[in-house]
Structures are given as structure tokens and as C-alpha cells.
Amino acid sequence: MTLKDNLKLTQFRKWTSLDSSTRFRILLFNLILFAVPIAARCQQMIAGPEAQRGSIYGTVTDDEGAGIPAATVKVDGPASSESHTVTADQTGFFEINNLKPAVSYKVTVSEKGFSDWTSAPVVLTPGQAFALTDIKLKISAVMTTVSAISVEQLATEQVKVAETQRVFGIIPNFYVAYDENTVPLTTKLKYELAFKAGTDAVSIAGDVILAGIYQAADTPDYQQGAKGYGQRFGAAYTSSFSNIMLGGAILPSLLHQDPRYFYQGTGTKKSRALHAMSSPFRCKGDNGHWQVNYSSMGGDLISSSLTNLYFPESNRGPGLVFSNTLVNTGGRVANALLQEFVLRKFTSNANKQKD
């Protein structure tokens, strides 16, 4: 018998000398030591190694093929945790890494001023670098809203501008149209403009000064002193206010004529002078055609006739009517010449309008 056989015999005798419960515990312990590494190995064989992740890359361009820098590229997967966003570089190139294989991704490219671009679903294989081609962004259509306004609304806006016109920023210059595209006034606007001109504080101050001149000249034949000055101021203001309302609102509304002076500004000095001097006798109708200025001439004549109602009896008569009419008409000619050649450069907001 060999030594090896003696060892096996000795071990067997020791094993058989143990009681049954001890032998069971030893067998169970050895079984556990043997089973744990086998189970771990089996689990590793079943799970297998994690699949290698992939990437998507491409270049964002416009319709002409030029790269669009800083475009936003977003990749969306089935779950929010699988969404990725990057920004294209200066050439329009982008690359998104660490994407799972066997997952359906959708790529959206956007940039301000362009319509969004969306890819078809992309499913990567393990380790795949997928190239997205033909990413061309089209310029987005700009929706322009044009607000159309009525002729009445446009006329209202033009009157608002005219009401800011003042010589040296002080003296009203409301009845001059500098814009070549000036539209006709409505009846309402004719009355509003006339009332504003007739009640303007600077205009009233002019009548205050005129009454002082009349007081010094002792004309008309009112008495002197405070009462006489008040009468002369009342006569001066009534004459100017009635002239404005008659020639600037009432008759123009009835006759469908425009009471404003239309600045010419171009052509020879002769043509401009003739245009200015003819303005008390020629005006634009509301239909846009030139016609006899019955409104201006009629306004001067009627307002002069009304002076017979409030001037002293010694001053009344046809001579008063015709002299006042000539003075008013002559004043209109002089004012038109100043408007055409001088006053525009000193009138606030006049140079902002087209001519």
C-alpha cells in the first residue's frame, strides 16, 4: 500500500468517525463554496457586456449651402432622459455623443429667422457614428400685418400735425398744408380746425394788441378809456373769429372746398409767386380739383358785412364793408407770399412733412 493510499484511508477513517450532523454541515459548506462562483459566472454569461454607444453628427446649412453657426440641435428619444441639445459651431457642424443603440431618435434643428428642420427617425447600431445629411434650413416666412386706415383717419392725423405748426414756435400756422399727399378735410375737421385757430391764445393776444392800436388811433368811433378799449377789442375779435369760422368752416363745408393754403415749394419763383397770390381766389375742392375760391372771398365779404352790426353807427355803410374786404383779401395775399418763400423755415414741424 502506497503513502497516498494510506492518506486517503486515514481521511476516510476520520470522516466515518464523525457523527452524521457534522458530516452534513461540512457537505453543505463545501456546496455553497462551489455554487457561488458558478452562479456569478452564469449570471455574467446571461447578461453579457453593455452595448457600445453611438453618435449623430452633421452640418447645418442654408439653401445656398452656407453653414449656419450657432444653430440649436436637439435629439429626442422615447424618454426625457434620452434628450440631448448642442449648439453648432461657426461652420454649422455639430456632433452628439453617448447615444444608446436600438433607440429611435428624432433630430430637430432650429435657428432664429429660419424654419425648423426635423429628421426622420434614427436608430443607431452599437458604436455607430451616424451622419445626418442635407440639413438645409429655409428662411421663415415673415407675416406682415398692414393696418389700412380710412381717408378720414388719415385726414385727422394730418390735422393733428398741422395744429402743431407755429411760426417761431409761437404764432399759429394751422392753415398751411406742406404734405403733397394731404387729403381733404371732413366737415367735422373743418369746424375743429377753425375753432382751434379762432380760440388760440396767441390769436386772441393779437386782437388785444390790435385793439390797442385802434385805441391809439381813436378808430372806430368808440369812446376812449377802458370801456372804449373793451369795445374795440370786442370788435377786433368778433371780426377775426367770424372771418375764420365763415371762410374756414361754414362756407368750405357747404361748398365742399378746402380752406388751407397748399405750399408749392418747387418751380420758378414766378410760378410760386403766382400760386401764392392766386390763393385767395383759387382753392382745391374736396374732390382734389382746383376751383374758384368762393369760400375765402365769401367769408371776407360776409364777415365785413357783419361789422355793420357792432361798429359805431358813424362807421357803418358800404365803405366799411368793402374796405374791410379789401384789407382781409390783401392780408391773405401777403400771408400766402410769406408762406411760400419765408415762413416754412421758421415753422415748427413743417420740415418733417413731405413736399
Protein backbone atom coordinates (compact mmCIF):
# COMPACT_ATOMS: atom_id res chain seq x y z
CA MET A 1 0.00 0.00 0.00
CA THR A 2 1.34 3.38 -1.01
CA LEU A 3 1.60 6.54 1.09
CA LYS A 4 -1.18 8.16 -0.96
CA ASP A 5 -3.42 5.23 -0.23
CA ASN A 6 -2.58 5.45 3.49
CA LEU A 7 -3.56 9.18 3.48
CA LYS A 8 -6.88 8.50 1.78
CA LEU A 9 -7.52 5.63 4.27
CA THR A 10 -6.72 7.90 7.22
CA GLN A 11 -9.05 10.66 5.89
CA PHE A 12 -11.82 8.15 5.31
CA ARG A 13 -11.48 6.82 8.91
CA LYS A 14 -11.67 10.40 10.22
CA TRP A 15 -14.75 11.14 8.07
CA THR A 16 -16.51 7.95 9.21
CA SER A 17 -15.70 8.72 12.83
CA LEU A 18 -17.69 11.98 12.62
CA ASP A 19 -21.33 11.98 13.59
CA SER A 20 -23.91 12.44 10.83
CA SER A 21 -24.85 16.05 11.67
CA THR A 22 -21.25 17.20 11.49
CA ARG A 23 -20.75 15.45 8.18
CA PHE A 24 -23.93 17.22 6.84
CA ARG A 25 -22.71 20.68 7.84
CA ILE A 26 -19.34 20.11 6.17
CA LEU A 27 -21.00 18.95 2.94
CA LEU A 28 -23.35 21.98 2.94
CA PHE A 29 -20.45 24.41 3.46
CA ASN A 30 -18.46 22.92 0.57
CA LEU A 31 -21.53 23.02 -1.65
CA ILE A 32 -22.01 26.76 -1.00
CA LEU A 33 -18.35 27.48 -1.71
CA PHE A 34 -18.67 25.71 -5.02
CA ALA A 35 -22.10 27.12 -6.08
CA VAL A 36 -21.48 30.90 -5.56
CA PRO A 37 -18.72 31.35 -8.21
CA ILE A 38 -20.63 29.15 -10.63
CA ALA A 39 -23.81 31.32 -10.22
CA ALA A 40 -21.88 34.52 -10.70
CA ARG A 41 -20.27 33.15 -13.83
CA CYS A 42 -23.63 32.10 -15.21
CA GLN A 43 -25.15 35.48 -14.50
CA GLN A 44 -22.28 37.19 -16.32
CA MET A 45 -22.74 34.88 -19.27
CA ILE A 46 -26.50 35.64 -19.38
CA ALA A 47 -26.22 39.49 -19.01
CA GLY A 48 -23.41 39.93 -21.49
CA PRO A 49 -21.32 43.13 -21.92
CA GLU A 50 -23.11 46.60 -22.26
CA ALA A 51 -23.59 47.61 -25.89
CA GLN A 52 -21.27 50.37 -27.10
CA ARG A 53 -22.98 53.76 -27.51
CA GLY A 54 -23.13 55.72 -30.77
CA SER A 55 -23.27 59.31 -32.06
CA ILE A 56 -25.02 61.53 -34.59
CA TYR A 57 -23.26 64.33 -36.49
CA GLY A 58 -23.90 66.70 -39.40
CA THR A 59 -23.61 70.24 -40.76
CA VAL A 60 -26.42 72.80 -40.73
CA THR A 61 -26.60 74.98 -43.89
CA ASP A 62 -28.96 77.39 -45.63
CA ASP A 63 -30.44 76.98 -49.12
CA GLU A 64 -27.21 78.28 -50.63
CA GLY A 65 -25.09 75.70 -48.81
CA ALA A 66 -23.51 78.17 -46.39
CA GLY A 67 -23.05 76.94 -42.83
CA ILE A 68 -25.32 78.37 -40.17
CA PRO A 69 -23.33 78.94 -36.98
CA ALA A 70 -24.86 78.59 -33.50
CA ALA A 71 -27.88 76.64 -34.75
CA THR A 72 -29.60 74.66 -31.99
CA VAL A 73 -29.65 70.88 -32.50
CA LYS A 74 -31.86 68.75 -30.27
CA VAL A 75 -32.04 64.94 -30.21
CA ASP A 76 -35.15 63.46 -28.57
CA GLY A 77 -35.51 59.84 -27.54
CA PRO A 78 -38.52 57.95 -26.13
CA ALA A 79 -37.68 59.13 -22.60
CA SER A 80 -36.86 62.63 -21.42
CA SER A 81 -33.55 61.34 -20.03
CA GLU A 82 -32.56 60.44 -23.58
CA SER A 83 -32.83 64.04 -24.91
CA HIS A 84 -29.66 65.93 -25.78
CA THR A 85 -29.13 69.50 -27.03
CA VAL A 86 -26.00 71.01 -28.57
CA THR A 87 -25.09 74.18 -30.49
CA ALA A 88 -23.48 74.04 -33.92
CA ASP A 89 -20.02 75.61 -34.27
CA GLN A 90 -19.05 78.52 -36.54
CA THR A 91 -19.19 76.29 -39.62
CA GLY A 92 -22.55 74.80 -38.71
CA PHE A 93 -21.06 71.42 -37.67
CA PHE A 94 -22.42 69.53 -34.66
CA GLU A 95 -21.93 66.13 -33.00
CA ILE A 96 -23.97 64.47 -30.28
CA ASN A 97 -22.36 61.54 -28.48
CA ASN A 98 -23.30 58.95 -25.86
CA LEU A 99 -26.50 57.83 -27.62
CA LYS A 100 -27.98 54.41 -26.90
CA PRO A 101 -28.24 51.92 -29.75
CA ALA A 102 -31.57 50.35 -30.74
CA VAL A 103 -33.40 53.53 -29.64
CA SER A 104 -35.47 55.66 -32.04
CA TYR A 105 -34.20 59.25 -32.01
CA LYS A 106 -35.62 62.35 -33.73
CA VAL A 107 -33.30 65.30 -34.55
CA THR A 108 -34.67 68.88 -34.67
CA VAL A 109 -32.56 71.82 -35.89
CA SER A 110 -33.66 75.42 -35.30
CA GLU A 111 -32.28 78.92 -35.69
CA LYS A 112 -33.83 82.38 -35.48
CA GLY A 113 -35.09 83.59 -38.85
CA PHE A 114 -35.28 80.06 -40.29
CA SER A 115 -37.93 77.36 -40.34
CA ASP A 116 -37.22 74.32 -38.16
CA TRP A 117 -35.80 71.16 -39.74
CA THR A 118 -36.75 67.70 -38.43
CA SER A 119 -35.19 64.38 -39.37
CA ALA A 120 -36.77 61.02 -39.97
CA PRO A 121 -36.40 58.58 -37.01
CA VAL A 122 -32.77 57.50 -36.48
CA VAL A 123 -31.96 54.13 -34.87
CA LEU A 124 -28.27 53.52 -34.14
CA THR A 125 -26.42 50.22 -34.09
CA PRO A 126 -23.83 49.69 -31.31
CA GLY A 127 -20.88 52.06 -31.76
CA GLN A 128 -22.34 53.65 -34.91
CA ALA A 129 -21.45 57.26 -35.88
CA PHE A 130 -24.46 58.27 -37.96
CA ALA A 131 -24.11 61.17 -40.44
CA LEU A 132 -27.19 63.34 -40.99
CA THR A 133 -27.01 64.85 -44.47
CA ASP A 134 -28.86 67.61 -46.33
CA ILE A 135 -29.76 69.67 -43.26
CA LYS A 136 -30.89 72.83 -45.07
CA LEU A 137 -32.82 75.48 -43.18
CA LYS A 138 -35.19 77.65 -45.17
CA ILE A 139 -35.76 81.31 -44.36
CA SER A 140 -39.01 81.53 -42.46
CA ALA A 141 -41.88 83.46 -43.99
CA VAL A 142 -42.39 86.82 -42.30
CA MET A 143 -46.01 87.64 -41.68
CA THR A 144 -46.52 91.36 -42.20
CA THR A 145 -49.72 92.96 -41.00
CA VAL A 146 -50.71 96.08 -42.85
CA SER A 147 -53.10 98.29 -40.99
CA ALA A 148 -55.25 100.14 -43.51
CA ILE A 149 -56.73 103.42 -42.30
CA SER A 150 -59.58 105.35 -43.82
CA VAL A 151 -59.21 108.71 -45.55
CA GLU A 152 -60.98 110.31 -42.58
CA GLN A 153 -58.45 108.80 -40.15
CA LEU A 154 -55.57 109.99 -42.31
CA ALA A 155 -57.07 113.49 -42.50
CA THR A 156 -57.39 113.51 -38.71
CA GLU A 157 -53.72 112.60 -38.30
CA GLN A 158 -52.68 115.32 -40.76
CA VAL A 159 -54.76 117.92 -38.90
CA LYS A 160 -53.09 116.90 -35.63
CA VAL A 161 -49.73 117.61 -37.24
CA ALA A 162 -50.98 120.92 -38.68
CA GLU A 163 -52.13 122.01 -35.24
CA THR A 164 -48.52 121.79 -34.03
CA GLN A 165 -47.31 124.22 -36.71
CA ARG A 166 -46.31 127.56 -35.19
CA VAL A 167 -44.08 130.29 -36.59
CA PHE A 168 -41.09 130.64 -34.25
CA GLY A 169 -42.87 128.03 -32.16
CA ILE A 170 -45.43 130.66 -31.07
CA ILE A 171 -47.69 132.09 -33.81
CA PRO A 172 -50.36 129.62 -35.10
CA ASN A 173 -49.81 128.45 -38.67
CA PHE A 174 -52.50 125.78 -38.83
CA TYR A 175 -53.90 126.51 -42.30
CA VAL A 176 -50.85 125.55 -44.38
CA ALA A 177 -50.55 122.08 -45.95
CA TYR A 178 -46.92 121.13 -46.63
CA ASP A 179 -47.52 117.45 -47.38
CA GLU A 180 -48.10 116.77 -51.09
CA ASN A 181 -50.28 113.81 -50.09
CA THR A 182 -52.64 115.92 -47.97
CA VAL A 183 -56.18 114.51 -48.10
CA PRO A 184 -59.43 116.56 -47.98
CA LEU A 185 -60.88 117.63 -44.65
CA THR A 186 -64.17 116.30 -43.41
CA THR A 187 -66.83 118.79 -42.31
CA LYS A 188 -66.07 117.93 -38.69
CA LEU A 189 -62.35 118.61 -39.14
CA LYS A 190 -63.05 121.94 -40.88
CA TYR A 191 -65.00 123.14 -37.87
CA GLU A 192 -62.49 121.74 -35.37
CA LEU A 193 -59.56 123.42 -37.12
CA ALA A 194 -61.40 126.76 -37.41
CA PHE A 195 -62.46 126.72 -33.77
CA LYS A 196 -58.92 125.90 -32.62
CA ALA A 197 -57.49 128.74 -34.70
CA GLY A 198 -60.18 131.17 -33.54
CA THR A 199 -59.75 130.40 -29.84
CA ASP A 200 -55.96 130.09 -29.77
CA ALA A 201 -54.45 132.23 -27.00
CA VAL A 202 -51.83 133.73 -29.33
CA SER A 203 -54.52 134.70 -31.86
CA ILE A 204 -56.54 136.37 -29.11
CA ALA A 205 -53.40 138.17 -27.94
CA GLY A 206 -53.08 139.56 -31.49
CA ASP A 207 -56.55 141.05 -31.21
CA VAL A 208 -55.60 142.53 -27.83
CA ILE A 209 -52.66 144.31 -29.49
CA LEU A 210 -54.81 145.37 -32.47
CA ALA A 211 -57.39 146.89 -30.12
CA GLY A 212 -54.60 148.93 -28.50
CA ILE A 213 -53.54 150.24 -31.91
CA TYR A 214 -57.15 151.17 -32.71
CA GLN A 215 -57.44 152.84 -29.30
CA ALA A 216 -54.38 154.96 -30.00
CA ALA A 217 -55.72 155.87 -33.46
CA ASP A 218 -59.18 156.56 -31.99
CA THR A 219 -60.87 154.31 -34.53
CA PRO A 220 -63.55 153.08 -34.91
CA ASP A 221 -65.56 155.87 -33.29
CA TYR A 222 -65.92 154.28 -29.88
CA GLN A 223 -65.28 156.33 -26.76
CA GLN A 224 -61.87 156.41 -25.11
CA GLY A 225 -60.95 154.81 -21.79
CA ALA A 226 -61.33 151.23 -20.61
CA LYS A 227 -64.85 150.88 -22.00
CA GLY A 228 -63.77 152.09 -25.42
CA TYR A 229 -60.80 149.71 -25.40
CA GLY A 230 -63.11 146.84 -24.49
CA GLN A 231 -65.40 147.75 -27.38
CA ARG A 232 -62.51 147.90 -29.80
CA PHE A 233 -61.16 144.54 -28.59
CA GLY A 234 -64.64 143.02 -28.95
CA ALA A 235 -64.94 144.35 -32.48
CA ALA A 236 -61.49 143.13 -33.45
CA TYR A 237 -62.02 139.64 -32.01
CA THR A 238 -65.53 139.31 -33.46
CA SER A 239 -64.24 140.26 -36.90
CA SER A 240 -61.33 137.79 -36.82
CA PHE A 241 -63.38 134.94 -35.30
CA SER A 242 -66.29 135.38 -37.73
CA ASN A 243 -63.84 135.53 -40.65
CA ILE A 244 -62.17 132.29 -39.58
CA MET A 245 -65.44 130.44 -39.00
CA LEU A 246 -67.08 131.66 -42.20
CA GLY A 247 -64.09 131.29 -44.52
CA GLY A 248 -62.55 128.27 -42.78
CA ALA A 249 -65.52 126.13 -41.80
CA ILE A 250 -69.06 127.18 -42.75
CA LEU A 251 -68.63 128.06 -46.43
CA PRO A 252 -65.95 125.38 -47.13
CA SER A 253 -68.33 122.77 -45.68
CA LEU A 254 -71.29 123.99 -47.73
CA LEU A 255 -69.27 124.42 -50.95
CA HIS A 256 -67.02 121.35 -50.45
CA GLN A 257 -63.82 123.38 -50.64
CA ASP A 258 -60.51 123.14 -48.75
CA PRO A 259 -59.71 126.30 -46.73
CA ARG A 260 -55.97 125.61 -46.44
CA TYR A 261 -53.04 127.07 -48.35
CA PHE A 262 -51.21 124.33 -50.28
CA TYR A 263 -47.48 125.04 -50.20
CA GLN A 264 -45.89 124.63 -53.65
CA GLY A 265 -42.21 124.88 -52.77
CA THR A 266 -40.92 123.89 -56.23
CA GLY A 267 -40.73 125.53 -59.65
CA THR A 268 -39.64 129.03 -60.61
CA LYS A 269 -40.06 131.97 -58.27
CA LYS A 270 -42.60 133.41 -60.68
CA SER A 271 -44.76 130.30 -60.65
CA ARG A 272 -44.57 130.11 -56.87
CA ALA A 273 -45.46 133.80 -56.53
CA LEU A 274 -48.44 133.40 -58.85
CA HIS A 275 -49.52 130.34 -56.92
CA ALA A 276 -49.39 132.30 -53.66
CA MET A 277 -51.13 135.46 -54.94
CA SER A 278 -53.94 133.46 -56.51
CA SER A 279 -54.73 131.51 -53.34
CA PRO A 280 -57.50 133.89 -52.10
CA PHE A 281 -59.23 133.42 -55.47
CA ARG A 282 -58.36 129.79 -56.26
CA CYS A 283 -58.56 126.76 -53.99
CA LYS A 284 -58.70 122.98 -54.00
CA GLY A 285 -62.09 121.39 -53.86
CA ASP A 286 -62.74 118.35 -51.71
CA ASN A 287 -62.65 116.42 -54.99
CA GLY A 288 -58.98 117.41 -55.45
CA HIS A 289 -59.59 119.78 -58.37
CA TRP A 290 -58.71 123.45 -58.42
CA GLN A 291 -61.70 125.82 -58.46
CA VAL A 292 -62.80 129.38 -57.71
CA ASN A 293 -62.29 130.13 -54.03
CA TYR A 294 -65.81 131.20 -53.17
CA SER A 295 -65.21 130.27 -49.53
CA SER A 296 -62.40 132.76 -48.98
CA MET A 297 -63.94 135.62 -50.95
CA GLY A 298 -67.39 134.99 -49.49
CA GLY A 299 -66.01 134.72 -45.97
CA ASP A 300 -64.22 138.08 -46.24
CA LEU A 301 -67.32 139.77 -47.68
CA ILE A 302 -69.80 138.32 -45.17
CA SER A 303 -67.63 138.92 -42.12
CA SER A 304 -67.03 142.51 -43.28
CA SER A 305 -70.78 142.97 -43.71
CA LEU A 306 -71.36 141.79 -40.15
CA THR A 307 -69.28 144.69 -38.83
CA ASN A 308 -72.31 146.90 -39.52
CA LEU A 309 -73.99 145.13 -36.59
CA TYR A 310 -71.44 146.12 -33.93
CA PHE A 311 -69.38 149.07 -35.27
CA PRO A 312 -70.48 152.59 -34.25
CA GLU A 313 -73.23 153.99 -36.46
CA SER A 314 -70.85 156.66 -37.75
CA ASN A 315 -68.58 153.99 -39.23
CA ARG A 316 -71.21 151.80 -40.86
CA GLY A 317 -72.04 151.63 -44.52
CA PRO A 318 -70.88 150.08 -47.80
CA GLY A 319 -67.48 151.77 -47.47
CA LEU A 320 -66.79 149.87 -44.23
CA VAL A 321 -67.77 146.56 -45.85
CA PHE A 322 -65.65 146.94 -48.97
CA SER A 323 -62.66 148.46 -47.20
CA ASN A 324 -62.57 145.60 -44.68
CA THR A 325 -62.99 143.09 -47.51
CA LEU A 326 -60.05 144.55 -49.41
CA VAL A 327 -57.92 144.64 -46.25
CA ASN A 328 -58.72 140.99 -45.45
CA THR A 329 -58.10 139.83 -49.03
CA GLY A 330 -54.85 141.80 -49.25
CA GLY A 331 -53.76 140.28 -45.97
CA ARG A 332 -54.37 136.81 -47.40
CA VAL A 333 -52.19 137.56 -50.44
CA ALA A 334 -49.37 138.90 -48.27
CA ASN A 335 -49.62 135.91 -45.92
CA ALA A 336 -49.53 133.43 -48.84
CA LEU A 337 -46.36 135.03 -50.24
CA LEU A 338 -44.72 134.80 -46.82
CA GLN A 339 -45.82 131.18 -46.52
CA GLU A 340 -44.37 130.29 -49.92
CA PHE A 341 -40.99 131.99 -49.55
CA VAL A 342 -40.26 132.67 -45.88
CA LEU A 343 -42.29 131.11 -43.11
CA ARG A 344 -41.69 127.42 -43.69
CA LYS A 345 -38.14 127.57 -42.35
CA PHE A 346 -39.43 129.18 -39.15
CA THR A 347 -42.47 126.93 -38.69
CA SER A 348 -42.20 124.07 -36.21
CA ASN A 349 -42.76 120.55 -37.63
CA ALA A 350 -43.13 121.88 -41.19
CA ASN A 351 -39.85 120.40 -42.42
CA LYS A 352 -40.83 116.93 -41.19
CA GLN A 353 -43.53 116.74 -43.85
CA LYS A 354 -43.08 115.75 -47.48
CA ASP A 355 -43.39 118.30 -50.24
